[in-house]
PDB file of N, CA and C in Angstrom:
ATOM      1  N   MET A   1       2.318 -17.194  -7.334  1.00  0.00           N
ATOM      2  CA  MET A   1       2.596 -15.802  -7.638  1.00  0.00           C
ATOM      3  C   MET A   1       2.230 -14.936  -6.439  1.00  0.00           C
ATOM      4  N   PRO A   2       3.044 -13.945  -6.150  1.00  0.00           N
ATOM      5  CA  PRO A   2       2.774 -13.098  -4.989  1.00  0.00           C
ATOM      6  C   PRO A   2       1.720 -12.027  -5.273  1.00  0.00           C
ATOM      7  N   VAL A   3       1.206 -11.484  -4.178  1.00  0.00           N
ATOM      8  CA  VAL A   3       0.342 -10.310  -4.235  1.00  0.00           C
ATOM      9  C   VAL A   3       1.264  -9.101  -4.267  1.00  0.00           C
ATOM     10  N   THR A   4       1.007  -8.163  -5.165  1.00  0.00           N
ATOM     11  CA  THR A   4       1.814  -6.953  -5.242  1.00  0.00           C
ATOM     12  C   THR A   4       1.116  -5.832  -4.495  1.00  0.00           C
ATOM     13  N   LEU A   5       1.845  -5.212  -3.577  1.00  0.00           N
ATOM     14  CA  LEU A   5       1.348  -4.075  -2.808  1.00  0.00           C
ATOM     15  C   LEU A   5       1.958  -2.803  -3.369  1.00  0.00           C
ATOM     16  N   ILE A   6       1.119  -1.881  -3.787  1.00  0.00           N
ATOM     17  CA  ILE A   6       1.567  -0.567  -4.247  1.00  0.00           C
ATOM     18  C   ILE A   6       1.255   0.404  -3.115  1.00  0.00           C
ATOM     19  N   THR A   7       2.268   1.088  -2.587  1.00  0.00           N
ATOM     20  CA  THR A   7       2.036   2.013  -1.475  1.00  0.00           C
ATOM     21  C   THR A   7       2.361   3.441  -1.875  1.00  0.00           C
ATOM     22  N   CYS A   8       1.628   4.370  -1.287  1.00  0.00           N
ATOM     23  CA  CYS A   8       1.918   5.781  -1.559  1.00  0.00           C
ATOM     24  C   CYS A   8       3.230   6.179  -0.896  1.00  0.00           C
ATOM     25  N   SER A   9       3.479   5.650   0.305  1.00  0.00           N
ATOM     26  CA  SER A   9       4.725   5.895   1.032  1.00  0.00           C
ATOM     27  C   SER A   9       5.017   7.375   1.212  1.00  0.00           C
ATOM     28  N   GLY A  10       3.977   8.159   1.469  1.00  0.00           N
ATOM     29  CA  GLY A  10       4.145   9.593   1.679  1.00  0.00           C
ATOM     30  C   GLY A  10       4.849   9.900   2.990  1.00  0.00           C
ATOM     31  N   ILE A  11       5.040  11.200   3.270  1.00  0.00           N
ATOM     32  CA  ILE A  11       5.785  11.597   4.465  1.00  0.00           C
ATOM     33  C   ILE A  11       4.899  11.813   5.686  1.00  0.00           C
ATOM     34  N   SER A  12       3.595  11.835   5.511  1.00  0.00           N
ATOM     35  CA  SER A  12       2.709  11.976   6.669  1.00  0.00           C
ATOM     36  C   SER A  12       2.657  10.651   7.427  1.00  0.00           C
ATOM     37  N   ASN A  13       2.030  10.678   8.587  1.00  0.00           N
ATOM     38  CA  ASN A  13       1.930   9.437   9.361  1.00  0.00           C
ATOM     39  C   ASN A  13       1.200   8.342   8.592  1.00  0.00           C
ATOM     40  N   THR A  14       0.162   8.695   7.846  1.00  0.00           N
ATOM     41  CA  THR A  14      -0.579   7.666   7.114  1.00  0.00           C
ATOM     42  C   THR A  14       0.208   7.161   5.907  1.00  0.00           C
ATOM     43  N   GLY A  15       1.011   8.016   5.296  1.00  0.00           N
ATOM     44  CA  GLY A  15       1.877   7.574   4.203  1.00  0.00           C
ATOM     45  C   GLY A  15       2.953   6.627   4.704  1.00  0.00           C
ATOM     46  N   LYS A  16       3.578   6.984   5.837  1.00  0.00           N
ATOM     47  CA  LYS A  16       4.581   6.100   6.439  1.00  0.00           C
ATOM     48  C   LYS A  16       3.947   4.779   6.869  1.00  0.00           C
ATOM     49  N   LEU A  17       2.701   4.852   7.294  1.00  0.00           N
ATOM     50  CA  LEU A  17       1.976   3.650   7.706  1.00  0.00           C
ATOM     51  C   LEU A  17       1.863   2.644   6.563  1.00  0.00           C
ATOM     52  N   THR A  18       1.634   3.121   5.344  1.00  0.00           N
ATOM     53  CA  THR A  18       1.512   2.191   4.209  1.00  0.00           C
ATOM     54  C   THR A  18       2.818   1.433   3.988  1.00  0.00           C
ATOM     55  N   THR A  19       3.937   2.124   4.148  1.00  0.00           N
ATOM     56  CA  THR A  19       5.246   1.480   4.017  1.00  0.00           C
ATOM     57  C   THR A  19       5.441   0.440   5.108  1.00  0.00           C
ATOM     58  N   GLN A  20       5.139   0.818   6.345  1.00  0.00           N
ATOM     59  CA  GLN A  20       5.356  -0.096   7.465  1.00  0.00           C
ATOM     60  C   GLN A  20       4.446  -1.320   7.387  1.00  0.00           C
ATOM     61  N   ALA A  21       3.226  -1.128   6.909  1.00  0.00           N
ATOM     62  CA  ALA A  21       2.315  -2.267   6.748  1.00  0.00           C
ATOM     63  C   ALA A  21       2.846  -3.227   5.681  1.00  0.00           C
ATOM     64  N   ALA A  22       3.334  -2.680   4.569  1.00  0.00           N
ATOM     65  CA  ALA A  22       3.889  -3.529   3.505  1.00  0.00           C
ATOM     66  C   ALA A  22       5.105  -4.305   4.009  1.00  0.00           C
ATOM     67  N   LEU A  23       5.986  -3.639   4.727  1.00  0.00           N
ATOM     68  CA  LEU A  23       7.169  -4.314   5.267  1.00  0.00           C
ATOM     69  C   LEU A  23       6.775  -5.400   6.262  1.00  0.00           C
ATOM     70  N   SER A  24       5.784  -5.118   7.083  1.00  0.00           N
ATOM     71  CA  SER A  24       5.302  -6.098   8.051  1.00  0.00           C
ATOM     72  C   SER A  24       4.773  -7.352   7.356  1.00  0.00           C
ATOM     73  N   LEU A  25       3.993  -7.157   6.310  1.00  0.00           N
ATOM     74  CA  LEU A  25       3.447  -8.300   5.568  1.00  0.00           C
ATOM     75  C   LEU A  25       4.546  -9.129   4.915  1.00  0.00           C
ATOM     76  N   MET A  26       5.553  -8.464   4.376  1.00  0.00           N
ATOM     77  CA  MET A  26       6.643  -9.200   3.731  1.00  0.00           C
ATOM     78  C   MET A  26       7.451  -9.992   4.757  1.00  0.00           C
ATOM     79  N   GLN A  27       7.561  -9.474   5.980  1.00  0.00           N
ATOM     80  CA  GLN A  27       8.281 -10.193   7.029  1.00  0.00           C
ATOM     81  C   GLN A  27       7.461 -11.361   7.565  1.00  0.00           C
ATOM     82  N   LYS A  28       6.162 -11.150   7.741  1.00  0.00           N
ATOM     83  CA  LYS A  28       5.298 -12.186   8.316  1.00  0.00           C
ATOM     84  C   LYS A  28       4.978 -13.301   7.326  1.00  0.00           C
ATOM     85  N   ARG A  29       4.940 -12.957   6.054  1.00  0.00           N
ATOM     86  CA  ARG A  29       4.573 -13.928   5.019  1.00  0.00           C
ATOM     87  C   ARG A  29       5.545 -13.838   3.841  1.00  0.00           C
ATOM     88  N   PRO A  30       6.786 -14.276   4.056  1.00  0.00           N
ATOM     89  CA  PRO A  30       7.794 -14.178   2.996  1.00  0.00           C
ATOM     90  C   PRO A  30       7.350 -14.908   1.728  1.00  0.00           C
ATOM     91  N   GLY A  31       7.530 -14.240   0.609  1.00  0.00           N
ATOM     92  CA  GLY A  31       7.182 -14.830  -0.678  1.00  0.00           C
ATOM     93  C   GLY A  31       5.741 -14.626  -1.099  1.00  0.00           C
ATOM     94  N   ASP A  32       4.880 -14.227  -0.150  1.00  0.00           N
ATOM     95  CA  ASP A  32       3.467 -14.010  -0.480  1.00  0.00           C
ATOM     96  C   ASP A  32       3.192 -12.602  -0.996  1.00  0.00           C
ATOM     97  N   TYR A  33       4.079 -11.662  -0.653  1.00  0.00           N
ATOM     98  CA  TYR A  33       3.857 -10.261  -1.013  1.00  0.00           C
ATOM     99  C   TYR A  33       5.111  -9.661  -1.632  1.00  0.00           C
ATOM    100  N   VAL A  34       4.894  -8.772  -2.587  1.00  0.00           N
ATOM    101  CA  VAL A  34       5.950  -7.964  -3.193  1.00  0.00           C
ATOM    102  C   VAL A  34       5.530  -6.518  -2.998  1.00  0.00           C
ATOM    103  N   TRP A  35       6.483  -5.659  -2.669  1.00  0.00           N
ATOM    104  CA  TRP A  35       6.172  -4.261  -2.371  1.00  0.00           C
ATOM    105  C   TRP A  35       6.749  -3.352  -3.448  1.00  0.00           C
ATOM    106  N   VAL A  36       5.911  -2.456  -3.959  1.00  0.00           N
ATOM    107  CA  VAL A  36       6.340  -1.441  -4.921  1.00  0.00           C
ATOM    108  C   VAL A  36       5.916  -0.089  -4.373  1.00  0.00           C
ATOM    109  N   ARG A  37       6.881   0.791  -4.200  1.00  0.00           N
ATOM    110  CA  ARG A  37       6.594   2.132  -3.704  1.00  0.00           C
ATOM    111  C   ARG A  37       6.283   3.040  -4.891  1.00  0.00           C
ATOM    112  N   ALA A  38       5.120   3.682  -4.856  1.00  0.00           N
ATOM    113  CA  ALA A  38       4.762   4.650  -5.906  1.00  0.00           C
ATOM    114  C   ALA A  38       5.565   5.913  -5.640  1.00  0.00           C
ATOM    115  N   GLN A  39       6.491   6.213  -6.515  1.00  0.00           N
ATOM    116  CA  GLN A  39       7.385   7.340  -6.292  1.00  0.00           C
ATOM    117  C   GLN A  39       6.863   8.598  -6.963  1.00  0.00           C
ATOM    118  N   GLN A  40       7.095   9.729  -6.309  1.00  0.00           N
ATOM    119  CA  GLN A  40       6.578  10.993  -6.813  1.00  0.00           C
ATOM    120  C   GLN A  40       7.118  11.315  -8.201  1.00  0.00           C
ATOM    121  N   ASN A  41       8.398  11.118  -8.418  1.00  0.00           N
ATOM    122  CA  ASN A  41       8.993  11.463  -9.708  1.00  0.00           C
ATOM    123  C   ASN A  41       9.031  10.288 -10.671  1.00  0.00           C
ATOM    124  N   GLY A  42       8.723   9.130 -10.182  1.00  0.00           N
ATOM    125  CA  GLY A  42       8.714   7.946 -11.025  1.00  0.00           C
ATOM    126  C   GLY A  42       7.298   7.433 -11.134  1.00  0.00           C
ATOM    127  N   GLY A  43       7.184   6.205 -11.424  1.00  0.00           N
ATOM    128  CA  GLY A  43       5.863   5.623 -11.515  1.00  0.00           C
ATOM    129  C   GLY A  43       5.923   4.158 -11.171  1.00  0.00           C
ATOM    130  N   VAL A  44       4.921   3.468 -11.569  1.00  0.00           N
ATOM    131  CA  VAL A  44       4.853   2.027 -11.395  1.00  0.00           C
ATOM    132  C   VAL A  44       5.009   1.433 -12.782  1.00  0.00           C
ATOM    133  N   SER A  45       5.998   0.559 -12.950  1.00  0.00           N
ATOM    134  CA  SER A  45       6.216  -0.014 -14.279  1.00  0.00           C
ATOM    135  C   SER A  45       5.441  -1.318 -14.435  1.00  0.00           C
ATOM    136  N   ALA A  46       5.127  -1.623 -15.668  1.00  0.00           N
ATOM    137  CA  ALA A  46       4.400  -2.860 -15.972  1.00  0.00           C
ATOM    138  C   ALA A  46       5.192  -4.073 -15.505  1.00  0.00           C
ATOM    139  N   ASP A  47       6.512  -4.003 -15.581  1.00  0.00           N
ATOM    140  CA  ASP A  47       7.356  -5.114 -15.145  1.00  0.00           C
ATOM    141  C   ASP A  47       7.166  -5.421 -13.664  1.00  0.00           C
ATOM    142  N   GLU A  48       6.901  -4.381 -12.878  1.00  0.00           N
ATOM    143  CA  GLU A  48       6.769  -4.564 -11.435  1.00  0.00           C
ATOM    144  C   GLU A  48       5.471  -5.268 -11.043  1.00  0.00           C
ATOM    145  N   ILE A  49       4.483  -5.256 -11.918  1.00  0.00           N
ATOM    146  CA  ILE A  49       3.205  -5.876 -11.556  1.00  0.00           C
ATOM    147  C   ILE A  49       2.775  -6.986 -12.507  1.00  0.00           C
ATOM    148  N   ALA A  50       3.580  -7.266 -13.511  1.00  0.00           N
ATOM    149  CA  ALA A  50       3.208  -8.266 -14.520  1.00  0.00           C
ATOM    150  C   ALA A  50       3.007  -9.660 -13.931  1.00  0.00           C
ATOM    151  N   GLU A  51       3.764 -10.023 -12.933  1.00  0.00           N
ATOM    152  CA  GLU A  51       3.704 -11.364 -12.351  1.00  0.00           C
ATOM    153  C   GLU A  51       2.750 -11.456 -11.161  1.00  0.00           C
ATOM    154  N   ALA A  52       2.041 -10.398 -10.860  1.00  0.00           N
ATOM    155  CA  ALA A  52       1.212 -10.360  -9.651  1.00  0.00           C
ATOM    156  C   ALA A  52      -0.020 -11.243  -9.758  1.00  0.00           C
ATOM    157  N   LYS A  53      -0.302 -11.932  -8.666  1.00  0.00           N
ATOM    158  CA  LYS A  53      -1.550 -12.687  -8.559  1.00  0.00           C
ATOM    159  C   LYS A  53      -2.706 -11.703  -8.351  1.00  0.00           C
ATOM    160  N   ARG A  54      -2.459 -10.711  -7.516  1.00  0.00           N
ATOM    161  CA  ARG A  54      -3.406  -9.624  -7.249  1.00  0.00           C
ATOM    162  C   ARG A  54      -2.585  -8.357  -7.036  1.00  0.00           C
ATOM    163  N   VAL A  55      -3.201  -7.215  -7.301  1.00  0.00           N
ATOM    164  CA  VAL A  55      -2.567  -5.928  -7.038  1.00  0.00           C
ATOM    165  C   VAL A  55      -3.444  -5.183  -6.041  1.00  0.00           C
ATOM    166  N   ILE A  56      -2.828  -4.808  -4.925  1.00  0.00           N
ATOM    167  CA  ILE A  56      -3.533  -4.063  -3.886  1.00  0.00           C
ATOM    168  C   ILE A  56      -2.816  -2.739  -3.686  1.00  0.00           C
ATOM    169  N   VAL A  57      -3.565  -1.643  -3.779  1.00  0.00           N
ATOM    170  CA  VAL A  57      -3.011  -0.317  -3.521  1.00  0.00           C
ATOM    171  C   VAL A  57      -3.299   0.051  -2.076  1.00  0.00           C
ATOM    172  N   LEU A  58      -2.254   0.525  -1.382  1.00  0.00           N
ATOM    173  CA  LEU A  58      -2.392   1.048  -0.027  1.00  0.00           C
ATOM    174  C   LEU A  58      -2.092   2.535  -0.078  1.00  0.00           C
ATOM    175  N   ASP A  59      -3.110   3.342   0.073  1.00  0.00           N
ATOM    176  CA  ASP A  59      -2.919   4.789   0.124  1.00  0.00           C
ATOM    177  C   ASP A  59      -3.127   5.268   1.549  1.00  0.00           C
ATOM    178  N   GLY A  60      -2.388   6.294   1.920  1.00  0.00           N
ATOM    179  CA  GLY A  60      -2.512   6.827   3.269  1.00  0.00           C
ATOM    180  C   GLY A  60      -3.733   7.703   3.458  1.00  0.00           C
ATOM    181  N   CYS A  61      -4.128   8.401   2.394  1.00  0.00           N
ATOM    182  CA  CYS A  61      -5.258   9.325   2.501  1.00  0.00           C
ATOM    183  C   CYS A  61      -5.996   9.393   1.165  1.00  0.00           C
ATOM    184  N   THR A  62      -6.987  10.234   1.109  1.00  0.00           N
ATOM    185  CA  THR A  62      -7.822  10.324  -0.093  1.00  0.00           C
ATOM    186  C   THR A  62      -7.156  11.074  -1.246  1.00  0.00           C
ATOM    187  N   ASP A  63      -5.906  11.498  -1.081  1.00  0.00           N
ATOM    188  CA  ASP A  63      -5.164  12.025  -2.236  1.00  0.00           C
ATOM    189  C   ASP A  63      -4.880  10.889  -3.222  1.00  0.00           C
ATOM    190  N   CYS A  64      -4.827   9.671  -2.719  1.00  0.00           N
ATOM    191  CA  CYS A  64      -4.698   8.441  -3.526  1.00  0.00           C
ATOM    192  C   CYS A  64      -3.495   8.455  -4.470  1.00  0.00           C
ATOM    193  N   CYS A  65      -2.347   8.851  -3.963  1.00  0.00           N
ATOM    194  CA  CYS A  65      -1.141   8.932  -4.792  1.00  0.00           C
ATOM    195  C   CYS A  65      -0.739   7.579  -5.376  1.00  0.00           C
ATOM    196  N   GLY A  66      -0.860   6.519  -4.601  1.00  0.00           N
ATOM    197  CA  GLY A  66      -0.514   5.188  -5.106  1.00  0.00           C
ATOM    198  C   GLY A  66      -1.419   4.755  -6.240  1.00  0.00           C
ATOM    199  N   ALA A  67      -2.720   4.966  -6.067  1.00  0.00           N
ATOM    200  CA  ALA A  67      -3.687   4.589  -7.108  1.00  0.00           C
ATOM    201  C   ALA A  67      -3.473   5.411  -8.372  1.00  0.00           C
ATOM    202  N   LYS A  68      -3.129   6.682  -8.214  1.00  0.00           N
ATOM    203  CA  LYS A  68      -2.883   7.541  -9.381  1.00  0.00           C
ATOM    204  C   LYS A  68      -1.676   7.050 -10.175  1.00  0.00           C
ATOM    205  N   LYS A  69      -0.616   6.666  -9.468  1.00  0.00           N
ATOM    206  CA  LYS A  69       0.587   6.171 -10.158  1.00  0.00           C
ATOM    207  C   LYS A  69       0.291   4.859 -10.886  1.00  0.00           C
ATOM    208  N   LEU A  70      -0.510   4.007 -10.280  1.00  0.00           N
ATOM    209  CA  LEU A  70      -0.874   2.755 -10.934  1.00  0.00           C
ATOM    210  C   LEU A  70      -1.712   3.029 -12.177  1.00  0.00           C
ATOM    211  N   ALA A  71      -2.645   3.971 -12.089  1.00  0.00           N
ATOM    212  CA  ALA A  71      -3.489   4.331 -13.238  1.00  0.00           C
ATOM    213  C   ALA A  71      -2.649   4.916 -14.370  1.00  0.00           C
ATOM    214  N   GLU A  72      -1.637   5.717 -14.020  1.00  0.00           N
ATOM    215  CA  GLU A  72      -0.748   6.287 -15.042  1.00  0.00           C
ATOM    216  C   GLU A  72      -0.030   5.183 -15.819  1.00  0.00           C
ATOM    217  N   ALA A  73       0.208   4.057 -15.159  1.00  0.00           N
ATOM    218  CA  ALA A  73       0.864   2.921 -15.818  1.00  0.00           C
ATOM    219  C   ALA A  73      -0.137   2.076 -16.599  1.00  0.00           C
ATOM    220  N   GLY A  74      -1.426   2.440 -16.517  1.00  0.00           N
ATOM    221  CA  GLY A  74      -2.447   1.737 -17.284  1.00  0.00           C
ATOM    222  C   GLY A  74      -3.070   0.542 -16.590  1.00  0.00           C
ATOM    223  N   PHE A  75      -2.974   0.503 -15.262  1.00  0.00           N
ATOM    224  CA  PHE A  75      -3.501  -0.633 -14.511  1.00  0.00           C
ATOM    225  C   PHE A  75      -4.559  -0.199 -13.505  1.00  0.00           C
ATOM    226  N   THR A  76      -5.437  -1.129 -13.185  1.00  0.00           N
ATOM    227  CA  THR A  76      -6.458  -0.939 -12.159  1.00  0.00           C
ATOM    228  C   THR A  76      -6.188  -1.961 -11.064  1.00  0.00           C
ATOM    229  N   PRO A  77      -6.206  -1.544  -9.793  1.00  0.00           N
ATOM    230  CA  PRO A  77      -5.935  -2.509  -8.725  1.00  0.00           C
ATOM    231  C   PRO A  77      -7.102  -3.471  -8.514  1.00  0.00           C
ATOM    232  N   ASP A  78      -6.789  -4.629  -7.972  1.00  0.00           N
ATOM    233  CA  ASP A  78      -7.837  -5.564  -7.567  1.00  0.00           C
ATOM    234  C   ASP A  78      -8.530  -5.057  -6.304  1.00  0.00           C
ATOM    235  N   SER A  79      -7.757  -4.395  -5.446  1.00  0.00           N
ATOM    236  CA  SER A  79      -8.289  -3.791  -4.221  1.00  0.00           C
ATOM    237  C   SER A  79      -7.570  -2.476  -3.978  1.00  0.00           C
ATOM    238  N   HIS A  80      -8.289  -1.531  -3.375  1.00  0.00           N
ATOM    239  CA  HIS A  80      -7.717  -0.228  -3.052  1.00  0.00           C
ATOM    240  C   HIS A  80      -8.106   0.099  -1.618  1.00  0.00           C
ATOM    241  N   LEU A  81      -7.117   0.158  -0.743  1.00  0.00           N
ATOM    242  CA  LEU A  81      -7.343   0.451   0.667  1.00  0.00           C
ATOM    243  C   LEU A  81      -6.762   1.818   0.995  1.00  0.00           C
ATOM    244  N   ILE A  82      -7.511   2.596   1.771  1.00  0.00           N
ATOM    245  CA  ILE A  82      -7.085   3.935   2.162  1.00  0.00           C
ATOM    246  C   ILE A  82      -7.075   3.989   3.686  1.00  0.00           C
ATOM    247  N   ALA A  83      -5.909   4.283   4.256  1.00  0.00           N
ATOM    248  CA  ALA A  83      -5.748   4.246   5.713  1.00  0.00           C
ATOM    249  C   ALA A  83      -6.771   5.120   6.434  1.00  0.00           C
ATOM    250  N   THR A  84      -7.011   6.323   5.929  1.00  0.00           N
ATOM    251  CA  THR A  84      -7.963   7.203   6.615  1.00  0.00           C
ATOM    252  C   THR A  84      -9.384   6.658   6.570  1.00  0.00           C
ATOM    253  N   GLU A  85      -9.699   5.853   5.561  1.00  0.00           N
ATOM    254  CA  GLU A  85     -11.027   5.244   5.491  1.00  0.00           C
ATOM    255  C   GLU A  85     -11.126   3.992   6.359  1.00  0.00           C
ATOM    256  N   LEU A  86      -9.987   3.550   6.885  1.00  0.00           N
ATOM    257  CA  LEU A  86      -9.976   2.443   7.841  1.00  0.00           C
ATOM    258  C   LEU A  86     -10.044   2.966   9.275  1.00  0.00           C
ATOM    259  N   GLY A  87     -10.246   4.275   9.416  1.00  0.00           N
ATOM    260  CA  GLY A  87     -10.389   4.876  10.739  1.00  0.00           C
ATOM    261  C   GLY A  87      -9.118   5.456  11.322  1.00  0.00           C
ATOM    262  N   ILE A  88      -8.073   5.578  10.530  1.00  0.00           N
ATOM    263  CA  ILE A  88      -6.806   6.122  11.009  1.00  0.00           C
ATOM    264  C   ILE A  88      -6.753   7.605  10.663  1.00  0.00           C
ATOM    265  N   THR A  89      -6.401   8.415  11.641  1.00  0.00           N
ATOM    266  CA  THR A  89      -6.375   9.863  11.463  1.00  0.00           C
ATOM    267  C   THR A  89      -5.046  10.303  10.859  1.00  0.00           C
ATOM    268  N   LYS A  90      -5.130  11.097   9.796  1.00  0.00           N
ATOM    269  CA  LYS A  90      -3.926  11.696   9.217  1.00  0.00           C
ATOM    270  C   LYS A  90      -3.534  12.836  10.138  1.00  0.00           C
ATOM    271  N   ASN A  91      -2.306  12.754  10.654  1.00  0.00           N
ATOM    272  CA  ASN A  91      -1.890  13.671  11.704  1.00  0.00           C
ATOM    273  C   ASN A  91      -0.475  14.177  11.451  1.00  0.00           C
ATOM    274  N   GLY A  92      -0.268  14.708  10.265  1.00  0.00           N
ATOM    275  CA  GLY A  92       1.024  15.304   9.932  1.00  0.00           C
ATOM    276  C   GLY A  92       2.175  14.337  10.092  1.00  0.00           C
ATOM    277  N   MET A  93       3.134  14.732  10.880  1.00  0.00           N
ATOM    278  CA  MET A  93       4.352  13.943  11.049  1.00  0.00           C
ATOM    279  C   MET A  93       4.312  13.066  12.303  1.00  0.00           C
ATOM    280  N   ALA A  94       3.141  12.778  12.815  1.00  0.00           N
ATOM    281  CA  ALA A  94       3.012  11.938  14.010  1.00  0.00           C
ATOM    282  C   ALA A  94       3.622  10.560  13.761  1.00  0.00           C
ATOM    283  N   ASP A  95       4.027   9.928  14.839  1.00  0.00           N
ATOM    284  CA  ASP A  95       4.570   8.572  14.732  1.00  0.00           C
ATOM    285  C   ASP A  95       3.454   7.587  14.412  1.00  0.00           C
ATOM    286  N   VAL A  96       3.799   6.582  13.649  1.00  0.00           N
ATOM    287  CA  VAL A  96       2.864   5.503  13.335  1.00  0.00           C
ATOM    288  C   VAL A  96       2.741   4.612  14.570  1.00  0.00           C
ATOM    289  N   GLN A  97       1.522   4.236  14.901  1.00  0.00           N
ATOM    290  CA  GLN A  97       1.264   3.384  16.060  1.00  0.00           C
ATOM    291  C   GLN A  97       1.175   1.918  15.634  1.00  0.00           C
ATOM    292  N   PHE A  98       1.636   1.029  16.516  1.00  0.00           N
ATOM    293  CA  PHE A  98       1.626  -0.400  16.223  1.00  0.00           C
ATOM    294  C   PHE A  98       0.221  -0.894  15.894  1.00  0.00           C
ATOM    295  N   ALA A  99      -0.777  -0.418  16.623  1.00  0.00           N
ATOM    296  CA  ALA A  99      -2.168  -0.840  16.384  1.00  0.00           C
ATOM    297  C   ALA A  99      -2.636  -0.433  14.988  1.00  0.00           C
ATOM    298  N   GLU A 100      -2.139   0.710  14.494  1.00  0.00           N
ATOM    299  CA  GLU A 100      -2.509   1.161  13.149  1.00  0.00           C
ATOM    300  C   GLU A 100      -1.928   0.228  12.088  1.00  0.00           C
ATOM    301  N   ILE A 101      -0.699  -0.206  12.304  1.00  0.00           N
ATOM    302  CA  ILE A 101      -0.086  -1.157  11.372  1.00  0.00           C
ATOM    303  C   ILE A 101      -0.921  -2.433  11.348  1.00  0.00           C
ATOM    304  N   GLY A 102      -1.308  -2.902  12.514  1.00  0.00           N
ATOM    305  CA  GLY A 102      -2.127  -4.107  12.606  1.00  0.00           C
ATOM    306  C   GLY A 102      -3.446  -3.976  11.884  1.00  0.00           C
ATOM    307  N   LYS A 103      -4.060  -2.800  11.979  1.00  0.00           N
ATOM    308  CA  LYS A 103      -5.349  -2.574  11.313  1.00  0.00           C
ATOM    309  C   LYS A 103      -5.197  -2.628   9.794  1.00  0.00           C
ATOM    310  N   VAL A 104      -4.146  -2.004   9.262  1.00  0.00           N
ATOM    311  CA  VAL A 104      -3.922  -2.008   7.813  1.00  0.00           C
ATOM    312  C   VAL A 104      -3.526  -3.407   7.342  1.00  0.00           C
ATOM    313  N   VAL A 105      -2.672  -4.081   8.093  1.00  0.00           N
ATOM    314  CA  VAL A 105      -2.276  -5.450   7.735  1.00  0.00           C
ATOM    315  C   VAL A 105      -3.503  -6.357   7.684  1.00  0.00           C
ATOM    316  N   ALA A 106      -4.389  -6.243   8.668  1.00  0.00           N
ATOM    317  CA  ALA A 106      -5.606  -7.065   8.679  1.00  0.00           C
ATOM    318  C   ALA A 106      -6.468  -6.790   7.450  1.00  0.00           C
ATOM    319  N   ALA A 107      -6.564  -5.520   7.057  1.00  0.00           N
ATOM    320  CA  ALA A 107      -7.352  -5.164   5.868  1.00  0.00           C
ATOM    321  C   ALA A 107      -6.724  -5.743   4.600  1.00  0.00           C
ATOM    322  N   VAL A 108      -5.402  -5.725   4.521  1.00  0.00           N
ATOM    323  CA  VAL A 108      -4.719  -6.298   3.354  1.00  0.00           C
ATOM    324  C   VAL A 108      -4.923  -7.810   3.309  1.00  0.00           C
ATOM    325  N   LEU A 109      -4.797  -8.463   4.442  1.00  0.00           N
ATOM    326  CA  LEU A 109      -5.003  -9.916   4.478  1.00  0.00           C
ATOM    327  C   LEU A 109      -6.415 -10.271   4.025  1.00  0.00           C
ATOM    328  N   GLU A 110      -7.390  -9.486   4.440  1.00  0.00           N
ATOM    329  CA  GLU A 110      -8.776  -9.717   4.015  1.00  0.00           C
ATOM    330  C   GLU A 110      -8.913  -9.502   2.503  1.00  0.00           C
ATOM    331  N   ALA A 111      -8.293  -8.449   1.994  1.00  0.00           N
ATOM    332  CA  ALA A 111      -8.371  -8.146   0.559  1.00  0.00           C
ATOM    333  C   ALA A 111      -7.597  -9.160  -0.286  1.00  0.00           C
ATOM    334  N   SER A 112      -6.656  -9.861   0.334  1.00  0.00           N
ATOM    335  CA  SER A 112      -5.826 -10.833  -0.386  1.00  0.00           C
ATOM    336  C   SER A 112      -6.532 -12.163  -0.611  1.00  0.00           C
ATOM    337  N   ARG A 113      -7.634 -12.386   0.059  1.00  0.00           N
ATOM    338  CA  ARG A 113      -8.341 -13.680  -0.040  1.00  0.00           C
ATOM    339  C   ARG A 113      -8.984 -13.866  -1.378  1.00  0.00           C
TER     340      ARG A 113
END
């Protein structure tokens, strides 16, 4: 069973970073990860996480939009990672840096163990 990644996927650099980290993991480890984007007008459905071995939320900042959407669906993540708490600065619409993707991917791999 794959690990399910719930991302905030916001429009700031840290929100975009969560999307890019999830995509990177799915490319590097096909079949090990499933990605679910927490949508502003939608939510996270039970069907999307029912088969998960683990559920990891990736939020870009302490607004925790991904974690909130998961909680609205009645679930608690196995791990909750926040990009800004990993040392990444939220900087509006700045471009995501490759090193930042690597830092978040490394944190997810550690949380997946």
